[in-house]
Protein backbone atom coordinates (compact mmCIF):
# COMPACT_ATOMS: atom_id res chain seq x y z
CA MET A 1 40.68 83.72 58.40
CA ARG A 2 40.06 81.21 61.18
CA ILE A 3 39.37 83.04 64.45
CA THR A 4 38.58 81.69 67.91
CA VAL A 5 37.10 84.16 70.39
CA LEU A 6 36.62 83.63 74.12
CA THR A 7 34.28 85.99 75.95
CA GLY A 8 33.91 86.46 79.68
CA ALA A 9 31.88 88.47 82.16
CA GLY A 10 33.32 91.79 80.99
CA ILE A 11 31.36 91.71 77.74
CA SER A 12 28.03 91.18 79.50
CA ALA A 13 28.77 93.69 82.27
CA GLU A 14 28.01 96.53 79.86
CA SER A 15 24.57 95.03 79.35
CA GLY A 16 23.96 95.37 83.09
CA LEU A 17 24.79 91.83 84.20
CA ALA A 18 26.95 91.45 87.29
CA THR A 19 30.51 90.32 86.73
CA PHE A 20 31.47 86.91 87.98
CA ARG A 21 32.95 87.87 91.31
CA ALA A 22 33.09 91.29 92.91
CA SER A 23 36.11 92.58 94.83
CA ASP A 24 34.44 91.66 98.13
CA GLY A 25 34.41 87.98 97.20
CA LEU A 26 30.64 87.87 96.73
CA TRP A 27 28.66 87.06 93.61
CA GLU A 28 25.45 89.08 93.47
CA ASN A 29 25.56 89.21 97.28
CA HIS A 30 25.98 85.44 97.69
CA ARG A 31 29.06 83.46 98.66
CA ILE A 32 30.02 81.34 95.69
CA GLU A 33 30.29 78.32 97.97
CA ASP A 34 26.58 78.71 98.83
CA VAL A 35 25.17 78.88 95.30
CA ALA A 36 27.62 77.57 92.70
CA THR A 37 28.87 74.16 93.78
CA PRO A 38 27.34 70.66 93.72
CA GLU A 39 27.69 70.64 97.50
CA ALA A 40 25.62 73.82 97.79
CA PHE A 41 22.88 72.29 95.66
CA ALA A 42 22.84 69.14 97.77
CA ARG A 43 22.73 71.21 100.96
CA ASP A 44 20.11 73.82 99.99
CA PRO A 45 18.59 73.32 96.51
CA ALA A 46 15.90 75.93 97.19
CA LEU A 47 18.51 78.66 97.71
CA VAL A 48 20.42 77.63 94.59
CA HIS A 49 17.26 77.65 92.48
CA GLN A 50 16.25 81.03 93.92
CA PHE A 51 19.65 82.44 92.97
CA TYR A 52 19.52 81.10 89.41
CA ASN A 53 15.88 82.12 88.96
CA MET A 54 17.05 85.66 89.75
CA ARG A 55 20.00 85.42 87.33
CA ARG A 56 17.71 84.00 84.63
CA ALA A 57 15.32 86.94 85.02
CA ASN A 58 18.18 89.46 84.95
CA ALA A 59 19.63 87.90 81.80
CA ALA A 60 16.24 87.87 80.07
CA ALA A 61 15.81 91.58 80.81
CA ALA A 62 19.27 92.51 79.53
CA GLN A 63 19.96 93.49 75.94
CA PRO A 64 22.99 92.71 73.76
CA ASN A 65 25.45 95.59 73.49
CA ALA A 66 27.67 96.79 70.66
CA ALA A 67 30.34 94.18 71.43
CA HIS A 68 27.87 91.30 71.06
CA HIS A 69 26.62 92.73 67.76
CA ALA A 70 30.17 93.22 66.49
CA LEU A 71 31.03 89.57 67.08
CA ALA A 72 27.90 88.52 65.19
CA ARG A 73 29.16 90.68 62.33
CA LEU A 74 32.59 89.04 62.53
CA ALA A 75 30.98 85.61 62.12
CA ARG A 76 29.46 86.74 58.82
CA HIS A 77 32.88 87.52 57.35
CA HIS A 78 35.32 85.00 58.89
CA ASP A 79 35.41 81.40 60.07
CA LEU A 80 34.63 82.15 63.72
CA VAL A 81 34.47 79.79 66.69
CA LEU A 82 32.82 81.75 69.50
CA VAL A 83 33.37 80.34 72.99
CA THR A 84 31.89 81.97 76.08
CA GLN A 85 32.29 81.53 79.81
CA ASN A 86 29.02 83.42 80.20
CA VAL A 87 25.73 81.64 80.84
CA ASP A 88 23.47 84.31 79.31
CA ASP A 89 22.17 84.21 75.73
CA LEU A 90 23.20 87.71 74.66
CA HIS A 91 25.48 86.43 71.89
CA GLU A 92 22.62 84.45 70.38
CA ARG A 93 20.20 87.36 70.62
CA ALA A 94 22.76 89.59 68.90
CA GLY A 95 22.75 87.21 65.95
CA SER A 96 25.79 84.96 66.46
CA PRO A 97 24.94 81.74 64.61
CA GLU A 98 26.68 79.33 67.00
CA VAL A 99 27.99 79.81 70.53
CA ILE A 100 29.91 77.24 72.58
CA HIS A 101 28.82 77.64 76.22
CA MET A 102 31.66 76.02 78.13
CA HIS A 103 30.03 76.78 81.49
CA GLY A 104 26.46 75.89 80.58
CA ALA A 105 23.45 78.12 80.01
CA LEU A 106 20.78 79.77 82.17
CA ASP A 107 18.05 78.95 79.67
CA ARG A 108 18.63 75.20 80.04
CA ALA A 109 17.64 72.75 82.79
CA ARG A 110 19.16 69.35 83.49
CA CYS A 111 18.20 66.33 85.54
CA ALA A 112 20.76 65.53 88.22
CA ALA A 113 19.54 61.91 88.20
CA CYS A 114 19.52 60.90 84.53
CA GLY A 115 21.29 63.80 82.78
CA HIS A 116 18.38 64.71 80.49
CA GLY A 117 18.32 68.36 79.40
CA TRP A 118 15.47 70.66 78.38
CA PRO A 119 14.64 74.38 78.00
CA ALA A 120 14.44 75.96 81.43
CA PRO A 121 11.23 77.67 82.56
CA ALA A 122 11.51 81.15 84.03
CA VAL A 123 11.17 79.73 87.53
CA MET A 124 12.61 76.38 88.60
CA LEU A 125 11.90 74.61 91.89
CA PRO A 126 13.65 71.72 93.67
CA ASP A 127 10.65 69.39 93.29
CA ASP A 128 10.21 69.94 89.56
CA PRO A 129 10.07 66.48 87.91
CA CYS A 130 12.39 65.57 85.06
CA PRO A 131 10.42 65.27 81.78
CA ALA A 132 12.35 62.07 80.97
CA CYS A 133 12.58 60.08 84.21
CA ALA A 134 10.18 62.00 86.51
CA ALA A 135 12.78 62.25 89.27
CA PRO A 136 12.50 65.45 91.37
CA ALA A 137 16.11 66.26 90.55
CA THR A 138 15.89 69.36 88.35
CA ARG A 139 18.98 71.59 88.46
CA PRO A 140 20.26 74.53 86.39
CA ASP A 141 22.32 73.35 83.43
CA ILE A 142 25.32 75.25 84.73
CA VAL A 143 28.91 74.07 85.20
CA TRP A 144 29.58 74.69 88.88
CA PHE A 145 32.90 74.83 90.71
CA GLY A 146 34.26 71.31 90.89
CA GLU A 147 32.58 70.29 87.61
CA ILE A 148 34.20 69.89 84.20
CA PRO A 149 33.62 72.60 81.55
CA ARG A 150 31.86 71.50 78.37
CA HIS A 151 33.11 70.96 74.81
CA MET A 152 36.78 71.10 75.76
CA GLU A 153 38.06 68.80 72.99
CA ARG A 154 36.39 70.96 70.37
CA ILE A 155 37.76 74.15 71.94
CA TRP A 156 41.37 72.88 72.14
CA GLN A 157 41.18 71.82 68.50
CA ALA A 158 39.78 75.20 67.42
CA LEU A 159 42.60 76.99 69.25
CA GLU A 160 45.22 74.85 67.52
CA GLU A 161 43.74 75.40 64.06
CA SER A 162 43.13 79.16 64.32
CA ASP A 163 45.02 82.01 62.73
CA LEU A 164 43.95 84.37 65.52
CA PHE A 165 42.73 83.97 69.11
CA ALA A 166 41.04 86.76 71.05
CA ALA A 167 40.01 86.87 74.71
CA ILE A 168 37.41 89.52 75.50
CA GLY A 169 36.40 90.62 78.98
CA THR A 170 38.07 87.76 80.84
CA SER A 171 39.98 87.95 84.12
CA GLY A 172 42.54 85.24 83.38
CA ASN A 173 41.80 83.70 86.78
CA VAL A 174 39.63 80.74 85.84
CA TYR A 175 41.07 77.61 84.26
CA PRO A 176 41.01 76.00 81.80
CA ALA A 177 40.05 79.19 79.93
CA ALA A 178 42.99 81.07 81.42
CA GLY A 179 45.29 78.69 79.56
CA PHE A 180 43.77 79.19 76.11
CA ALA A 181 46.24 81.88 75.00
CA GLN A 182 49.25 79.82 76.01
CA HIS A 183 47.85 76.79 74.20
CA ALA A 184 47.14 78.79 71.04
CA GLY A 185 50.52 80.50 71.21
CA ARG A 186 52.32 77.16 71.31
CA HIS A 187 50.74 76.42 67.94
CA GLY A 188 51.88 79.70 66.42
CA VAL A 189 48.53 81.46 66.74
CA GLU A 190 48.48 85.23 67.20
CA CYS A 191 46.75 86.14 70.49
CA VAL A 192 45.02 89.41 71.36
CA GLU A 193 43.37 90.52 74.58
CA LEU A 194 40.53 93.06 74.73
CA ASN A 195 39.82 94.07 78.29
CA LEU A 196 39.16 96.96 80.64
CA GLU A 197 42.59 96.36 82.17
CA ASN A 198 45.36 93.84 81.77
CA SER A 199 44.30 90.38 82.88
CA VAL A 200 46.29 88.15 85.21
CA ASN A 201 47.70 86.34 82.17
CA ALA A 202 48.24 89.43 80.01
CA LEU A 203 51.79 88.39 79.11
CA ASP A 204 50.39 85.38 77.23
CA PHE A 205 49.06 87.75 74.55
CA ASP A 206 50.89 89.34 71.62
CA ARG A 207 48.66 92.41 71.68
CA ARG A 208 46.47 94.06 74.30
CA ILE A 209 43.64 96.50 73.61
CA LEU A 210 42.33 98.20 76.74
CA GLY A 211 38.95 99.84 77.18
CA PRO A 212 35.25 98.96 77.46
CA ALA A 213 34.20 96.09 75.22
CA SER A 214 31.38 98.09 73.64
CA ARG A 215 34.03 100.41 72.20
CA THR A 216 37.08 98.20 71.64
CA VAL A 217 35.38 95.15 70.11
CA PRO A 218 33.53 97.01 67.31
CA ALA A 219 36.76 98.84 66.42
CA TRP A 220 38.73 95.58 66.39
CA VAL A 221 36.11 93.85 64.26
CA GLU A 222 36.20 96.80 61.85
CA GLU A 223 39.95 96.21 61.45
CA LEU A 224 39.29 92.60 60.50
CA VAL A 225 36.23 93.13 58.33
CA GLY A 226 36.56 96.62 56.89
CA GLY A 227 33.96 98.32 54.80
């Protein structure tokens, strides 16, 4: 079976990582406009690096949970395309062989001048030189608000060619990911949502499974894998 899975903040929340945006409009006590836009980086790169250094440390200290491990198991039994909005590496550490990070990754750095990418150190500073061009333009390799998500052509194709699409722990608020179920459904793909509560776009799904990801995802994978 060909399966495309999208994961969001809800799957990492059970590993202790803060969800994308709290009800008070803050993200780990910062306004998104101050830490997650190109304009914020241009205005105060030190603050942005401080914020992502903290997130990088938090992600490194977190451990994959049962949902991450279940998806790694699913990949061993079915043709799985695993797409995540998350920037942590918990899927990889759980054993998933390939993960498409549409919003970038905390463990990567990128040069804002030449575009070169490299493994991020634990602590990044605004004056860090690029290994390729030496420009002091090091930034987190993260897709910020106002920037284009990665690997979209590959993701759209996977959705069209799948037998099943599942969205796990996503709010349904952030596009283009919020449109994945509609796109898959137009191509006759069965769509299932696994979430703590119905997402904003819950009606785009044929089936909804509510509850914590660490419980619902292993049970769902067991249905698909058996034994």
